[in-house]
Amino acid sequence: MSLLRKLKLRAGKRALRVRKAVKASGLLRASVFRSANHIYGQIIDDVAHKTLVSCSSLEMKKLTGDKSEVAKKIGMELAKRALDKGVAKVAFDRGASLYHGRVKAFADGLREGGLSL
């Protein structure tokens, strides 16, 4: 098995393990996805299979700073939108990403915005 295939398999298993624990909590899910240049966040209702709120760095073109600062601002904006919809408590789904860097900054932005993780 090639190294790339092993890494993808390991990341997929990690994502399923994290998502299983998050869905078991029974709360709405705050999902984060990071690409090389952008970060995306959603609040998802797994029971109704609907996305309630979303926000990404593509929408907010005027953001400045490094990628971690942008991730924190996106988290704060997503928290503001979620509070407007009446969502106060969510479970954080980091997917296959490790909890550091931009993913951690995004979670900190959610907390500063007023959501309880």
N, C-alpha and C. Protein backbone atom coordinates (compact mmCIF):
# COMPACT_ATOMS: atom_id res chain seq x y z
N MET A 1 0.86 -1.17 0.00
CA MET A 1 0.00 0.00 0.00
C MET A 1 0.90 1.24 0.00
N SER A 2 0.55 2.19 -0.82
CA SER A 2 1.38 3.39 -0.93
C SER A 2 1.20 4.29 0.29
N LEU A 3 2.14 5.15 0.49
CA LEU A 3 2.11 6.06 1.63
C LEU A 3 0.91 7.01 1.54
N LEU A 4 0.65 7.53 0.36
CA LEU A 4 -0.49 8.46 0.19
C LEU A 4 -1.80 7.77 0.52
N ARG A 5 -1.94 6.53 0.09
CA ARG A 5 -3.17 5.78 0.38
C ARG A 5 -3.32 5.55 1.89
N LYS A 6 -2.21 5.24 2.57
CA LYS A 6 -2.25 5.04 4.02
C LYS A 6 -2.66 6.32 4.74
N LEU A 7 -2.14 7.46 4.29
CA LEU A 7 -2.46 8.73 4.94
C LEU A 7 -3.94 9.08 4.74
N LYS A 8 -4.46 8.86 3.54
CA LYS A 8 -5.87 9.13 3.28
C LYS A 8 -6.77 8.21 4.10
N LEU A 9 -6.40 6.96 4.20
CA LEU A 9 -7.17 6.00 4.99
C LEU A 9 -7.17 6.39 6.46
N ARG A 10 -6.01 6.78 6.98
CA ARG A 10 -5.90 7.20 8.37
C ARG A 10 -6.74 8.45 8.65
N ALA A 11 -6.71 9.42 7.73
CA ALA A 11 -7.49 10.64 7.90
C ALA A 11 -8.99 10.33 7.84
N GLY A 12 -9.38 9.44 6.96
CA GLY A 12 -10.80 9.06 6.87
C GLY A 12 -11.29 8.39 8.14
N LYS A 13 -10.47 7.50 8.71
CA LYS A 13 -10.84 6.84 9.97
C LYS A 13 -10.95 7.85 11.09
N ARG A 14 -10.02 8.81 11.13
CA ARG A 14 -10.05 9.84 12.17
C ARG A 14 -11.31 10.68 12.05
N ALA A 15 -11.69 11.05 10.82
CA ALA A 15 -12.88 11.86 10.61
C ALA A 15 -14.13 11.11 11.07
N LEU A 16 -14.24 9.83 10.75
CA LEU A 16 -15.40 9.04 11.17
C LEU A 16 -15.44 8.90 12.69
N ARG A 17 -14.28 8.71 13.32
CA ARG A 17 -14.22 8.56 14.77
C ARG A 17 -14.67 9.85 15.46
N VAL A 18 -14.19 10.99 14.96
CA VAL A 18 -14.56 12.28 15.55
C VAL A 18 -16.05 12.56 15.32
N ARG A 19 -16.52 12.32 14.11
CA ARG A 19 -17.91 12.62 13.77
C ARG A 19 -18.88 11.73 14.54
N LYS A 20 -18.49 10.47 14.79
CA LYS A 20 -19.34 9.56 15.55
C LYS A 20 -19.55 10.07 16.98
N ALA A 21 -18.48 10.55 17.60
CA ALA A 21 -18.58 11.08 18.96
C ALA A 21 -19.41 12.36 18.99
N VAL A 22 -19.27 13.18 17.97
CA VAL A 22 -20.01 14.45 17.93
C VAL A 22 -21.50 14.19 17.74
N LYS A 23 -21.84 13.27 16.84
CA LYS A 23 -23.25 12.97 16.59
C LYS A 23 -23.91 12.30 17.79
N ALA A 24 -23.15 11.55 18.59
CA ALA A 24 -23.68 10.89 19.77
C ALA A 24 -24.07 11.89 20.85
N SER A 25 -23.52 13.10 20.79
CA SER A 25 -23.83 14.11 21.80
C SER A 25 -25.25 14.62 21.68
N GLY A 26 -25.87 14.50 20.51
CA GLY A 26 -27.25 14.94 20.33
C GLY A 26 -27.40 16.43 20.08
N LEU A 27 -26.29 17.16 20.02
CA LEU A 27 -26.34 18.60 19.78
C LEU A 27 -26.22 18.90 18.30
N LEU A 28 -26.49 20.14 17.93
CA LEU A 28 -26.20 20.58 16.58
C LEU A 28 -24.70 20.53 16.38
N ARG A 29 -24.27 20.37 15.13
CA ARG A 29 -22.86 20.16 14.84
C ARG A 29 -22.27 21.39 14.16
N ALA A 30 -21.17 21.90 14.71
CA ALA A 30 -20.41 22.99 14.08
C ALA A 30 -19.25 22.34 13.34
N SER A 31 -19.36 22.27 12.03
CA SER A 31 -18.38 21.59 11.20
C SER A 31 -17.43 22.61 10.59
N VAL A 32 -16.15 22.25 10.50
CA VAL A 32 -15.15 23.13 9.91
C VAL A 32 -14.40 22.36 8.82
N PHE A 33 -14.12 23.04 7.72
CA PHE A 33 -13.31 22.49 6.64
C PHE A 33 -12.30 23.55 6.26
N ARG A 34 -11.05 23.14 6.14
CA ARG A 34 -10.03 24.07 5.73
C ARG A 34 -9.36 23.56 4.47
N SER A 35 -9.21 24.46 3.52
CA SER A 35 -8.45 24.14 2.32
C SER A 35 -7.10 24.85 2.44
N ALA A 36 -6.34 24.86 1.38
CA ALA A 36 -5.04 25.50 1.44
C ALA A 36 -5.15 27.01 1.64
N ASN A 37 -6.19 27.62 1.08
CA ASN A 37 -6.31 29.08 1.14
C ASN A 37 -7.51 29.58 1.93
N HIS A 38 -8.54 28.79 2.12
CA HIS A 38 -9.79 29.27 2.72
C HIS A 38 -10.23 28.36 3.85
N ILE A 39 -11.21 28.86 4.62
CA ILE A 39 -11.80 28.07 5.70
C ILE A 39 -13.31 28.23 5.61
N TYR A 40 -14.02 27.14 5.87
CA TYR A 40 -15.46 27.09 5.75
C TYR A 40 -16.04 26.53 7.04
N GLY A 41 -17.16 27.09 7.49
CA GLY A 41 -17.82 26.58 8.68
C GLY A 41 -19.32 26.49 8.48
N GLN A 42 -19.93 25.49 9.14
CA GLN A 42 -21.37 25.29 9.05
C GLN A 42 -21.91 24.85 10.39
N ILE A 43 -23.16 25.19 10.64
CA ILE A 43 -23.90 24.63 11.76
C ILE A 43 -24.93 23.69 11.13
N ILE A 44 -24.87 22.40 11.49
CA ILE A 44 -25.67 21.38 10.83
C ILE A 44 -26.59 20.71 11.84
N ASP A 45 -27.85 20.51 11.43
CA ASP A 45 -28.82 19.74 12.20
C ASP A 45 -28.84 18.33 11.61
N ASP A 46 -28.27 17.35 12.32
CA ASP A 46 -28.17 16.00 11.79
C ASP A 46 -29.50 15.26 11.79
N VAL A 47 -30.42 15.66 12.63
CA VAL A 47 -31.73 15.01 12.67
C VAL A 47 -32.53 15.37 11.42
N ALA A 48 -32.55 16.66 11.09
CA ALA A 48 -33.30 17.13 9.92
C ALA A 48 -32.48 17.09 8.64
N HIS A 49 -31.18 16.79 8.74
CA HIS A 49 -30.27 16.74 7.59
C HIS A 49 -30.25 18.07 6.85
N LYS A 50 -30.12 19.17 7.61
CA LYS A 50 -30.09 20.50 7.00
C LYS A 50 -28.96 21.33 7.60
N THR A 51 -28.42 22.20 6.76
CA THR A 51 -27.45 23.19 7.22
C THR A 51 -28.23 24.42 7.65
N LEU A 52 -28.06 24.83 8.90
CA LEU A 52 -28.80 25.99 9.41
C LEU A 52 -28.10 27.30 9.05
N VAL A 53 -26.79 27.35 9.25
CA VAL A 53 -26.02 28.56 8.99
C VAL A 53 -24.67 28.15 8.42
N SER A 54 -24.13 29.01 7.56
CA SER A 54 -22.79 28.74 7.05
C SER A 54 -22.05 30.06 6.86
N CYS A 55 -20.73 29.96 6.82
CA CYS A 55 -19.88 31.13 6.62
C CYS A 55 -18.54 30.65 6.09
N SER A 56 -17.93 31.44 5.23
CA SER A 56 -16.62 31.06 4.71
C SER A 56 -15.78 32.29 4.43
N SER A 57 -14.51 32.07 4.25
CA SER A 57 -13.61 33.19 3.94
C SER A 57 -13.81 33.66 2.51
N LEU A 58 -14.49 32.89 1.68
CA LEU A 58 -14.81 33.34 0.33
C LEU A 58 -15.86 34.45 0.34
N GLU A 59 -16.82 34.33 1.27
CA GLU A 59 -17.88 35.34 1.38
C GLU A 59 -17.35 36.68 1.86
N MET A 60 -16.44 36.63 2.80
CA MET A 60 -15.96 37.84 3.47
C MET A 60 -14.61 38.22 2.87
N LYS A 61 -14.64 38.97 1.81
CA LYS A 61 -13.43 39.32 1.05
C LYS A 61 -12.55 40.36 1.76
N LYS A 62 -13.13 41.16 2.65
CA LYS A 62 -12.41 42.29 3.25
C LYS A 62 -11.53 41.91 4.44
N LEU A 63 -11.45 40.62 4.78
CA LEU A 63 -10.67 40.20 5.94
C LEU A 63 -9.18 40.33 5.66
N THR A 64 -8.47 40.81 6.67
CA THR A 64 -7.01 40.94 6.54
C THR A 64 -6.34 40.15 7.66
N GLY A 65 -5.07 39.92 7.52
CA GLY A 65 -4.31 39.19 8.52
C GLY A 65 -3.89 37.84 7.98
N ASP A 66 -3.22 37.08 8.85
CA ASP A 66 -2.81 35.75 8.42
C ASP A 66 -3.99 34.79 8.48
N LYS A 67 -3.78 33.55 8.07
CA LYS A 67 -4.87 32.59 7.95
C LYS A 67 -5.53 32.28 9.29
N SER A 68 -4.77 32.27 10.37
CA SER A 68 -5.34 32.00 11.69
C SER A 68 -6.26 33.13 12.14
N GLU A 69 -5.87 34.35 11.88
CA GLU A 69 -6.72 35.49 12.22
C GLU A 69 -8.01 35.48 11.42
N VAL A 70 -7.90 35.14 10.14
CA VAL A 70 -9.09 35.05 9.29
C VAL A 70 -10.01 33.94 9.80
N ALA A 71 -9.44 32.81 10.20
CA ALA A 71 -10.24 31.70 10.72
C ALA A 71 -10.98 32.12 11.99
N LYS A 72 -10.32 32.88 12.84
CA LYS A 72 -10.97 33.34 14.07
C LYS A 72 -12.13 34.28 13.76
N LYS A 73 -11.93 35.18 12.80
CA LYS A 73 -12.99 36.11 12.40
C LYS A 73 -14.17 35.38 11.77
N ILE A 74 -13.89 34.35 10.99
CA ILE A 74 -14.96 33.54 10.38
C ILE A 74 -15.73 32.82 11.48
N GLY A 75 -15.05 32.30 12.48
CA GLY A 75 -15.71 31.66 13.62
C GLY A 75 -16.61 32.62 14.36
N MET A 76 -16.15 33.84 14.56
CA MET A 76 -16.96 34.84 15.26
C MET A 76 -18.20 35.20 14.43
N GLU A 77 -18.05 35.33 13.12
CA GLU A 77 -19.17 35.64 12.25
C GLU A 77 -20.19 34.49 12.23
N LEU A 78 -19.70 33.26 12.19
CA LEU A 78 -20.60 32.11 12.21
C LEU A 78 -21.36 32.05 13.53
N ALA A 79 -20.69 32.34 14.63
CA ALA A 79 -21.36 32.36 15.94
C ALA A 79 -22.44 33.43 15.98
N LYS A 80 -22.15 34.59 15.40
CA LYS A 80 -23.15 35.67 15.36
C LYS A 80 -24.38 35.24 14.56
N ARG A 81 -24.15 34.62 13.42
CA ARG A 81 -25.27 34.15 12.59
C ARG A 81 -26.06 33.06 13.29
N ALA A 82 -25.36 32.17 14.02
CA ALA A 82 -26.03 31.10 14.73
C ALA A 82 -26.88 31.65 15.87
N LEU A 83 -26.36 32.63 16.59
CA LEU A 83 -27.14 33.23 17.68
C LEU A 83 -28.37 33.93 17.15
N ASP A 84 -28.27 34.52 15.97
CA ASP A 84 -29.45 35.15 15.35
C ASP A 84 -30.53 34.11 15.03
N LYS A 85 -30.12 32.88 14.72
CA LYS A 85 -31.06 31.79 14.43
C LYS A 85 -31.55 31.10 15.69
N GLY A 86 -31.01 31.47 16.86
CA GLY A 86 -31.44 30.87 18.12
C GLY A 86 -30.62 29.68 18.56
N VAL A 87 -29.46 29.48 17.98
CA VAL A 87 -28.58 28.37 18.36
C VAL A 87 -27.57 28.89 19.37
N ALA A 88 -27.49 28.23 20.54
CA ALA A 88 -26.57 28.69 21.57
C ALA A 88 -25.51 27.66 21.93
N LYS A 89 -25.81 26.36 21.71
CA LYS A 89 -24.89 25.31 22.11
C LYS A 89 -24.72 24.33 20.95
N VAL A 90 -23.46 24.03 20.62
CA VAL A 90 -23.16 23.13 19.51
C VAL A 90 -22.01 22.19 19.92
N ALA A 91 -21.86 21.13 19.14
CA ALA A 91 -20.72 20.24 19.29
C ALA A 91 -19.75 20.54 18.15
N PHE A 92 -18.47 20.63 18.44
CA PHE A 92 -17.48 21.01 17.44
C PHE A 92 -16.98 19.79 16.69
N ASP A 93 -17.13 19.80 15.37
CA ASP A 93 -16.68 18.71 14.50
C ASP A 93 -15.50 19.19 13.68
N ARG A 94 -14.31 18.72 14.03
CA ARG A 94 -13.11 19.14 13.32
C ARG A 94 -12.81 18.26 12.12
N GLY A 95 -13.57 17.18 11.94
CA GLY A 95 -13.35 16.29 10.82
C GLY A 95 -12.03 15.58 10.93
N ALA A 96 -11.30 15.51 9.84
CA ALA A 96 -10.01 14.82 9.83
C ALA A 96 -8.86 15.74 10.24
N SER A 97 -9.15 17.02 10.45
CA SER A 97 -8.10 17.98 10.81
C SER A 97 -7.72 17.85 12.27
N LEU A 98 -6.48 18.11 12.57
CA LEU A 98 -6.03 18.12 13.95
C LEU A 98 -6.45 19.43 14.60
N TYR A 99 -6.62 19.40 15.93
CA TYR A 99 -7.09 20.58 16.65
C TYR A 99 -5.90 21.48 17.01
N HIS A 100 -5.44 22.24 16.04
CA HIS A 100 -4.40 23.25 16.26
C HIS A 100 -4.40 24.18 15.06
N GLY A 101 -3.73 25.29 15.19
CA GLY A 101 -3.63 26.23 14.07
C GLY A 101 -4.95 26.87 13.72
N ARG A 102 -5.32 26.80 12.45
CA ARG A 102 -6.53 27.46 11.97
C ARG A 102 -7.80 26.84 12.54
N VAL A 103 -7.80 25.53 12.75
CA VAL A 103 -8.99 24.87 13.30
C VAL A 103 -9.21 25.33 14.74
N LYS A 104 -8.14 25.43 15.51
CA LYS A 104 -8.26 25.91 16.90
C LYS A 104 -8.68 27.37 16.92
N ALA A 105 -8.14 28.19 16.02
CA ALA A 105 -8.52 29.60 15.96
C ALA A 105 -9.99 29.74 15.60
N PHE A 106 -10.49 28.89 14.71
CA PHE A 106 -11.91 28.90 14.35
C PHE A 106 -12.78 28.58 15.57
N ALA A 107 -12.38 27.56 16.34
CA ALA A 107 -13.13 27.19 17.55
C ALA A 107 -13.09 28.31 18.58
N ASP A 108 -11.94 28.97 18.72
CA ASP A 108 -11.84 30.10 19.64
C ASP A 108 -12.76 31.24 19.20
N GLY A 109 -12.86 31.46 17.90
CA GLY A 109 -13.77 32.48 17.37
C GLY A 109 -15.22 32.15 17.66
N LEU A 110 -15.58 30.87 17.57
CA LEU A 110 -16.94 30.46 17.92
C LEU A 110 -17.24 30.76 19.39
N ARG A 111 -16.27 30.45 20.24
CA ARG A 111 -16.46 30.70 21.67
C ARG A 111 -16.55 32.21 21.98
N GLU A 112 -15.67 32.99 21.35
CA GLU A 112 -15.71 34.44 21.58
C GLU A 112 -16.99 35.05 21.02
N GLY A 113 -17.53 34.47 19.98
CA GLY A 113 -18.78 34.96 19.39
C GLY A 113 -20.00 34.67 20.24
N GLY A 114 -19.87 33.79 21.23
CA GLY A 114 -20.97 33.53 22.15
C GLY A 114 -21.53 32.13 22.12
N LEU A 115 -21.00 31.25 21.28
CA LEU A 115 -21.48 29.88 21.26
C LEU A 115 -20.80 29.06 22.35
N SER A 116 -21.53 28.10 22.85
CA SER A 116 -20.98 27.17 23.84
C SER A 116 -20.63 25.88 23.13
N LEU A 117 -19.34 25.49 23.19
CA LEU A 117 -18.90 24.25 22.54
C LEU A 117 -18.79 23.14 23.53
